[in-house]
Amino acid sequence: MTAWYDEALYTKWQDKGYAQRFRIDRILFEDKSEHQDVIVFETPLFGRILAIDGIIQTTERDEFAYHEMMVHVPILAHGSATKVLIIGGGDGGIMREVMRHADVTLCHMVDIDDMVVEISKKYLPSLSDGVFDNPRGKVVIADGCKFVKETKERYDVVIVDSTDPIGPGAVLFTEEFYTDCRNCMTPGGIMVTQSGVPFAQPEEFPETRKRLRSVFKDAGIYLSSVPTYACGFMALGWASDEAKHRDVSEATLAARFKKASFKTKYYTPGIHKAAFQLPAYMVDALK
């Protein structure tokens, strides 16, 4: 009998005739950590997939669309970032993209679950691509909320690559957490955070922006298109005390991107600018 993986995010729609499922060719890892259920399995179309608590986190085939936009948009908008903090991101994809920026001298990745880090190294090595051995980076297994509250370090960019706001990821969507992130940022720093799929999770991105706006002087939403995050665009939260970072010209972004001197599969300066333009139904949801 063929085995299938039904994504839990869409099970609420099954009685309406919709589901997202992936054929499992082989289960590489399946266990429950102290914090969550973790599985890595192989599929014929998307390659290896990491899922946590029934929800797809990343796949070998389309991870770049998420990781590139989470990293290069804030770093290139900032223009002079040297210290980056990642909350979550245990698969290593975010840190991999951060380390492509030669000007970044320090990157801390704080993930609560060492199981995710270790199984990603073993079963999804292309995502981290050796970045965990980069001397500019450091992996910290800890509670991200506690880390940002207690750290004495100050970061130019903070990237929150969290699971959805359920289970251990729920605290990463609170005003208290966003306030602590702001307090560990340099003046003019930028914070970005995953904010769900608006068509499937219509309450998540407006609530995220509302909370960000209560903490930061400038907050917004930008978009990426990740095929396995089904039902359209993926929303990414944006926050800074410097509104000018969202208004950097395409020409300036292009010059910074050229200087960075690496190739991307999704990010371009044009996509960067366009990503902040939202479809009408999302604009209406934010009113």
Protein backbone atom coordinates (compact mmCIF):
# COMPACT_ATOMS: atom_id res chain seq x y z
CA MET A 1 0.00 0.00 0.00
CA THR A 2 1.31 3.46 -0.92
CA ALA A 3 2.02 5.65 2.11
CA TRP A 4 1.05 9.32 2.10
CA TYR A 5 1.77 12.24 4.40
CA ASP A 6 -1.27 14.47 4.99
CA GLU A 7 -0.26 17.93 6.16
CA ALA A 8 -2.08 18.84 9.37
CA LEU A 9 -2.36 22.52 8.44
CA TYR A 10 -5.04 21.67 5.88
CA THR A 11 -6.93 18.83 7.59
CA LYS A 12 -9.56 21.35 8.69
CA TRP A 13 -10.49 21.68 5.01
CA GLN A 14 -10.80 17.99 4.21
CA ASP A 15 -14.55 17.98 4.76
CA LYS A 16 -14.68 20.67 2.07
CA GLY A 17 -12.76 18.50 -0.36
CA TYR A 18 -9.24 19.87 -0.02
CA ALA A 19 -6.05 18.33 1.32
CA GLN A 20 -2.31 18.54 0.77
CA ARG A 21 -0.48 15.26 0.82
CA PHE A 22 2.91 13.92 -0.22
CA ARG A 23 3.76 10.40 -1.28
CA ILE A 24 6.29 8.88 1.09
CA ASP A 25 8.91 6.81 -0.69
CA ARG A 26 10.98 6.31 2.45
CA ILE A 27 10.92 7.53 6.04
CA LEU A 28 14.45 8.52 7.03
CA PHE A 29 13.73 9.64 10.59
CA GLU A 30 10.72 9.81 12.87
CA ASP A 31 10.69 10.55 16.59
CA LYS A 32 9.32 12.85 19.26
CA SER A 33 11.75 15.26 20.87
CA GLU A 34 11.23 16.97 24.19
CA HIS A 35 9.32 19.68 22.35
CA GLN A 36 7.71 18.33 19.16
CA ASP A 37 7.11 15.50 16.69
CA VAL A 38 9.79 15.41 13.98
CA ILE A 39 9.86 13.45 10.72
CA VAL A 40 12.09 13.46 7.63
CA PHE A 41 10.90 11.54 4.59
CA GLU A 42 11.68 11.22 0.89
CA THR A 43 9.24 12.12 -1.87
CA PRO A 44 9.56 11.72 -5.66
CA LEU A 45 8.84 15.39 -6.45
CA PHE A 46 10.18 17.54 -3.60
CA GLY A 47 13.04 15.33 -2.45
CA ARG A 48 13.54 15.12 1.29
CA ILE A 49 11.03 16.90 3.50
CA LEU A 50 11.21 17.99 7.14
CA ALA A 51 7.88 18.19 8.98
CA ILE A 52 7.26 19.18 12.59
CA ASP A 53 4.00 18.52 14.43
CA GLY A 54 2.32 17.56 11.19
CA ILE A 55 3.30 20.71 9.26
CA ILE A 56 5.80 20.90 6.41
CA GLN A 57 8.80 23.02 7.41
CA THR A 58 11.07 22.75 4.40
CA THR A 59 11.85 20.65 1.34
CA GLU A 60 15.02 20.13 -0.66
CA ARG A 61 13.40 21.32 -3.87
CA ASP A 62 11.89 24.68 -2.93
CA GLU A 63 13.60 25.76 0.31
CA PHE A 64 15.50 28.52 -1.49
CA ALA A 65 12.34 30.56 -2.08
CA TYR A 66 11.83 30.90 1.66
CA HIS A 67 15.40 31.10 2.93
CA GLU A 68 16.62 33.63 0.36
CA MET A 69 13.76 36.04 1.01
CA MET A 70 14.03 35.74 4.77
CA VAL A 71 17.73 36.62 4.64
CA HIS A 72 18.63 38.80 1.68
CA VAL A 73 15.72 41.22 1.97
CA PRO A 74 16.64 42.49 5.46
CA ILE A 75 20.42 42.26 5.04
CA LEU A 76 20.52 44.10 1.70
CA ALA A 77 17.91 46.62 2.86
CA HIS A 78 20.05 47.37 5.91
CA GLY A 79 23.19 47.83 3.84
CA SER A 80 25.78 47.49 6.61
CA ALA A 81 24.74 44.50 8.71
CA THR A 82 27.60 42.67 10.42
CA LYS A 83 25.83 40.83 13.25
CA VAL A 84 22.82 38.60 12.66
CA LEU A 85 20.64 36.63 15.08
CA ILE A 86 18.50 33.71 13.93
CA ILE A 87 15.76 32.42 16.21
CA GLY A 88 14.80 28.91 15.12
CA GLY A 89 16.15 27.82 11.77
CA GLY A 90 17.50 24.51 13.01
CA ASP A 91 17.68 23.04 9.51
CA GLY A 92 20.50 25.50 8.70
CA GLY A 93 19.02 27.06 5.57
CA ILE A 94 18.80 30.56 7.03
CA MET A 95 22.33 30.47 8.40
CA ARG A 96 23.61 29.20 5.06
CA GLU A 97 22.21 32.25 3.28
CA VAL A 98 23.40 34.66 5.99
CA MET A 99 26.96 33.38 5.66
CA ARG A 100 26.97 34.16 1.95
CA HIS A 101 27.29 37.81 3.01
CA ALA A 102 31.01 38.34 3.57
CA ASP A 103 30.39 41.46 5.68
CA VAL A 104 28.61 39.40 8.35
CA THR A 105 31.20 38.74 11.03
CA LEU A 106 28.94 37.09 13.62
CA CYS A 107 25.82 34.95 13.32
CA HIS A 108 24.11 33.28 16.26
CA MET A 109 21.46 30.65 15.57
CA VAL A 110 19.30 29.87 18.60
CA ASP A 111 17.05 26.82 18.34
CA ILE A 112 15.21 25.15 21.20
CA ASP A 113 15.42 21.65 19.73
CA ASP A 114 18.81 20.00 19.23
CA MET A 115 17.08 17.06 17.55
CA VAL A 116 16.09 19.27 14.60
CA VAL A 117 19.66 20.51 14.21
CA GLU A 118 21.21 17.05 14.37
CA ILE A 119 18.77 15.28 12.07
CA SER A 120 19.00 18.14 9.56
CA LYS A 121 22.78 17.75 9.48
CA LYS A 122 22.40 14.04 8.83
CA TYR A 123 19.39 13.82 6.53
CA LEU A 124 19.18 17.30 4.94
CA PRO A 125 22.85 18.27 4.55
CA SER A 126 22.24 20.38 1.43
CA LEU A 127 20.27 22.90 3.48
CA SER A 128 23.10 23.78 5.85
CA ASP A 129 25.80 23.02 3.27
CA GLY A 130 28.51 22.87 5.94
CA VAL A 131 27.58 26.22 7.49
CA PHE A 132 27.51 24.82 11.03
CA ASP A 133 31.30 24.58 10.81
CA ASN A 134 31.74 28.21 9.75
CA PRO A 135 33.79 30.06 12.41
CA ARG A 136 31.67 33.19 11.97
CA GLY A 137 28.62 31.33 13.22
CA LYS A 138 27.56 29.75 16.48
CA VAL A 139 24.69 27.38 17.20
CA VAL A 140 23.03 27.83 20.58
CA ILE A 141 20.53 25.24 21.80
CA ALA A 142 18.28 27.33 24.01
CA ASP A 143 14.88 28.93 24.39
CA GLY A 144 14.86 31.83 21.92
CA CYS A 145 12.62 33.95 24.15
CA LYS A 146 14.98 33.61 27.07
CA PHE A 147 18.01 34.26 24.84
CA VAL A 148 16.79 37.60 23.48
CA LYS A 149 15.73 38.69 26.95
CA GLU A 150 19.15 37.97 28.49
CA THR A 151 21.75 38.47 25.74
CA LYS A 152 24.17 41.37 25.98
CA GLU A 153 24.97 41.18 22.27
CA ARG A 154 23.40 43.64 19.83
CA TYR A 155 22.39 42.56 16.32
CA ASP A 156 21.78 44.48 13.10
CA VAL A 157 19.32 41.91 11.76
CA VAL A 158 17.10 39.46 13.66
CA ILE A 159 15.47 36.65 11.67
CA VAL A 160 12.73 34.62 13.34
CA ASP A 161 12.43 31.34 11.45
CA SER A 162 9.81 29.76 13.69
CA THR A 163 7.19 27.08 13.39
CA ASP A 164 3.55 28.18 13.34
CA PRO A 165 2.08 29.83 16.48
CA ILE A 166 1.21 26.52 18.12
CA GLY A 167 3.22 24.43 20.56
CA PRO A 168 6.73 25.74 21.36
CA GLY A 169 6.54 28.32 18.56
CA ALA A 170 3.57 30.21 20.00
CA VAL A 171 5.67 32.42 22.31
CA LEU A 172 7.61 33.71 19.29
CA PHE A 173 4.53 35.66 18.15
CA THR A 174 4.00 37.77 21.26
CA GLU A 175 4.56 41.47 21.94
CA GLU A 176 6.87 40.59 24.81
CA PHE A 177 9.12 38.57 22.49
CA TYR A 178 9.12 41.30 19.84
CA THR A 179 10.02 43.87 22.51
CA ASP A 180 12.94 41.76 23.68
CA CYS A 181 14.10 41.39 20.07
CA ARG A 182 14.00 45.17 19.63
CA ASN A 183 16.03 45.59 22.81
CA CYS A 184 18.82 43.36 21.49
CA MET A 185 19.05 45.16 18.15
CA THR A 186 21.35 47.98 17.12
CA PRO A 187 19.77 51.36 16.26
CA GLY A 188 18.13 51.02 12.87
CA GLY A 189 18.17 47.24 13.02
CA ILE A 190 15.68 45.10 11.10
CA MET A 191 13.64 42.13 12.27
CA VAL A 192 11.77 39.69 10.00
CA THR A 193 9.55 36.77 10.94
CA GLN A 194 7.51 34.12 9.18
CA SER A 195 3.83 35.02 9.32
CA GLY A 196 1.94 32.15 7.72
CA VAL A 197 0.08 31.64 4.46
CA PRO A 198 -2.57 34.40 4.29
CA PHE A 199 -5.11 32.45 2.24
CA ALA A 200 -5.01 29.49 4.63
CA GLN A 201 -4.23 31.40 7.84
CA PRO A 202 -5.99 34.77 7.32
CA GLU A 203 -5.73 35.84 10.98
CA GLU A 204 -2.00 35.28 11.42
CA PHE A 205 -0.36 38.00 9.32
CA PRO A 206 -2.66 40.88 10.40
CA GLU A 207 -2.13 39.92 14.04
CA THR A 208 1.63 39.71 13.51
CA ARG A 209 1.76 43.17 11.95
CA LYS A 210 -0.46 44.59 14.70
CA ARG A 211 1.90 43.32 17.39
CA LEU A 212 4.99 44.45 15.49
CA ARG A 213 3.52 47.94 15.08
CA SER A 214 2.98 48.16 18.81
CA VAL A 215 6.72 47.68 19.34
CA PHE A 216 8.49 49.14 16.29
CA LYS A 217 8.07 52.49 14.52
CA ASP A 218 7.72 50.80 11.13
CA ALA A 219 6.14 47.40 10.45
CA GLY A 220 4.81 45.67 7.39
CA ILE A 221 4.40 42.46 5.44
CA TYR A 222 6.27 41.21 2.40
CA LEU A 223 5.80 38.06 0.37
CA SER A 224 7.49 35.01 -1.05
CA SER A 225 6.02 32.20 -3.13
CA VAL A 226 6.98 28.77 -1.78
CA PRO A 227 5.19 25.89 -3.58
CA THR A 228 4.94 23.56 -0.60
CA TYR A 229 3.46 26.32 1.56
CA ALA A 230 0.22 25.73 -0.34
CA CYS A 231 -2.60 28.19 -1.06
CA GLY A 232 -0.57 31.07 -2.44
CA PHE A 233 1.92 33.49 -0.98
CA MET A 234 3.89 33.11 2.22
CA ALA A 235 3.72 36.22 4.41
CA LEU A 236 6.87 37.50 6.10
CA GLY A 237 6.69 40.09 8.85
CA TRP A 238 8.97 43.15 8.72
CA ALA A 239 9.84 45.53 11.54
CA SER A 240 12.33 48.34 12.17
CA ASP A 241 12.55 51.74 13.77
CA GLU A 242 13.89 53.08 10.45
CA ALA A 243 11.18 53.35 7.80
CA LYS A 244 13.83 54.22 5.21
CA HIS A 245 14.91 50.59 5.04
CA ARG A 246 11.67 49.73 3.21
CA ASP A 247 12.24 52.57 0.76
CA VAL A 248 15.73 51.65 -0.49
CA SER A 249 15.75 52.08 -4.26
CA GLU A 250 16.08 49.16 -6.61
CA ALA A 251 19.28 50.70 -7.99
CA THR A 252 20.83 50.78 -4.51
CA LEU A 253 19.73 47.21 -3.82
CA ALA A 254 21.19 46.15 -7.15
CA ALA A 255 24.52 47.75 -6.30
CA ARG A 256 24.61 46.04 -2.90
CA PHE A 257 23.62 42.71 -4.44
CA LYS A 258 26.33 43.02 -7.08
CA LYS A 259 28.90 43.76 -4.39
CA ALA A 260 27.75 40.72 -2.40
CA SER A 261 28.74 38.69 -5.48
CA PHE A 262 26.72 35.49 -5.22
CA LYS A 263 23.98 33.92 -7.28
CA THR A 264 20.44 33.28 -6.09
CA LYS A 265 17.56 31.13 -7.29
CA TYR A 266 14.72 33.39 -6.15
CA TYR A 267 15.92 36.75 -4.82
CA THR A 268 16.53 39.69 -7.14
CA PRO A 269 16.49 43.41 -6.34
CA GLY A 270 13.30 43.71 -8.40
CA ILE A 271 11.60 40.91 -6.50
CA HIS A 272 12.75 42.60 -3.27
CA LYS A 273 10.90 45.80 -4.14
CA ALA A 274 7.82 44.04 -5.50
CA ALA A 275 7.52 41.75 -2.45
CA PHE A 276 6.13 44.60 -0.35
CA GLN A 277 3.20 45.11 -2.76
CA LEU A 278 0.29 43.07 -1.42
CA PRO A 279 -2.77 41.69 -3.22
CA ALA A 280 -6.03 43.52 -2.49
CA TYR A 281 -7.41 40.79 -0.22
CA MET A 282 -4.37 41.06 2.02
CA VAL A 283 -4.54 44.86 2.08
CA ASP A 284 -8.18 44.61 3.11
CA ALA A 285 -7.30 42.12 5.86
CA LEU A 286 -4.78 44.58 7.28
CA LYS A 287 -7.28 47.44 7.57
